[in-house]
Amino acid sequence: MIIKSSTALRNNYNAVARLAREKAEPVYITRNGEGDLVVMSIEAFERREAMLDLREKLLFAEQQRLAGETTVPLVEAHQRLKAKIDGRV
């Protein structure tokens, strides 16, 4: 976990931004010794958002499965995906 003060952010933005990009993880910013903000690179943010979106979709699919909704056999799912990738659908 990377922690920097708001003073460090204010006085040396470029160094904090470079640190966030190089480490590819959030930088926690404190104010008066308390947590205040989180700064991260656009790439790290987009990767995190994509992961959360995928988890949400997987959770929804699992809820549907547990509710007894019909499923597609793995072989058929693979064929459908391959057809979409190949542009046939």
Protein backbone atom coordinates (compact mmCIF):
# COMPACT_ATOMS: atom_id res chain seq x y z
CA MET A 1 0.00 0.00 0.00
CA ILE A 2 1.40 3.39 -1.02
CA ILE A 3 0.48 6.29 1.26
CA LYS A 4 1.34 9.94 0.61
CA SER A 5 0.22 13.14 2.30
CA SER A 6 -1.88 15.77 0.57
CA THR A 7 1.13 18.07 0.97
CA ALA A 8 3.23 15.65 -1.10
CA LEU A 9 0.54 15.63 -3.77
CA ARG A 10 0.27 19.42 -3.78
CA ASN A 11 4.03 20.04 -3.77
CA ASN A 12 5.11 17.25 -6.08
CA TYR A 13 2.20 16.12 -8.23
CA ASN A 14 4.48 14.74 -10.96
CA ALA A 15 6.30 12.41 -8.55
CA VAL A 16 3.02 11.07 -7.11
CA ALA A 17 1.56 10.61 -10.61
CA ARG A 18 4.72 8.81 -11.78
CA LEU A 19 4.60 6.56 -8.71
CA ALA A 20 0.97 5.64 -9.41
CA ARG A 21 1.76 4.80 -13.04
CA GLU A 22 4.95 2.85 -12.28
CA LYS A 23 3.48 0.77 -9.45
CA ALA A 24 0.11 0.36 -11.25
CA GLU A 25 -1.68 0.48 -7.91
CA PRO A 26 -3.62 3.10 -5.94
CA VAL A 27 -1.81 5.79 -3.99
CA TYR A 28 -3.66 6.68 -0.80
CA ILE A 29 -3.62 10.38 0.03
CA THR A 30 -3.94 11.48 3.64
CA ARG A 31 -5.00 14.82 5.05
CA ASN A 32 -4.17 15.65 8.65
CA GLY A 33 -3.19 12.01 9.19
CA GLU A 34 -6.54 10.65 8.00
CA GLY A 35 -7.38 8.92 4.72
CA ASP A 36 -8.82 11.38 2.21
CA LEU A 37 -8.38 10.34 -1.44
CA VAL A 38 -7.10 7.59 -3.68
CA VAL A 39 -5.11 8.40 -6.81
CA MET A 40 -4.41 5.88 -9.55
CA SER A 41 -3.39 5.81 -13.19
CA ILE A 42 -6.04 5.65 -15.88
CA GLU A 43 -4.77 2.20 -16.89
CA ALA A 44 -5.08 0.85 -13.35
CA PHE A 45 -8.55 2.38 -13.01
CA GLU A 46 -9.77 0.91 -16.31
CA ARG A 47 -8.34 -2.52 -15.40
CA ARG A 48 -10.10 -2.36 -12.02
CA GLU A 49 -13.39 -1.31 -13.63
CA ALA A 50 -13.18 -4.15 -16.17
CA MET A 51 -12.54 -6.65 -13.37
CA LEU A 52 -15.51 -5.36 -11.36
CA ASP A 53 -17.73 -5.51 -14.45
CA LEU A 54 -16.69 -9.11 -15.12
CA ARG A 55 -17.30 -10.09 -11.49
CA GLU A 56 -20.76 -8.53 -11.63
CA LYS A 57 -21.58 -10.49 -14.79
CA LEU A 58 -20.29 -13.72 -13.27
CA LEU A 59 -22.31 -13.17 -10.11
CA PHE A 60 -25.44 -12.53 -12.17
CA ALA A 61 -24.83 -15.70 -14.22
CA GLU A 62 -24.31 -17.73 -11.03
CA GLN A 63 -27.54 -16.35 -9.56
CA GLN A 64 -29.38 -17.38 -12.73
CA ARG A 65 -27.86 -20.86 -12.56
CA LEU A 66 -28.83 -21.28 -8.92
CA ALA A 67 -32.35 -20.11 -9.73
CA GLY A 68 -32.65 -23.03 -12.15
CA GLU A 69 -32.57 -21.12 -15.41
CA THR A 70 -31.54 -23.15 -18.43
CA THR A 71 -27.86 -23.31 -19.24
CA VAL A 72 -25.87 -23.94 -22.39
CA PRO A 73 -23.43 -26.86 -22.60
CA LEU A 74 -19.78 -25.80 -22.72
CA VAL A 75 -19.29 -27.19 -26.24
CA GLU A 76 -22.23 -25.15 -27.54
CA ALA A 77 -21.05 -22.01 -25.74
CA HIS A 78 -17.61 -22.45 -27.31
CA GLN A 79 -19.15 -22.86 -30.78
CA ARG A 80 -21.28 -19.71 -30.32
CA LEU A 81 -18.29 -17.66 -29.19
CA LYS A 82 -16.14 -18.93 -32.04
CA ALA A 83 -18.89 -18.05 -34.53
CA LYS A 84 -19.10 -14.51 -33.12
CA ILE A 85 -15.34 -14.09 -33.25
CA ASP A 86 -15.24 -15.35 -36.82
CA GLY A 87 -18.00 -12.90 -37.74
CA ARG A 88 -20.58 -15.49 -38.67
CA VAL A 89 -23.18 -14.21 -36.25
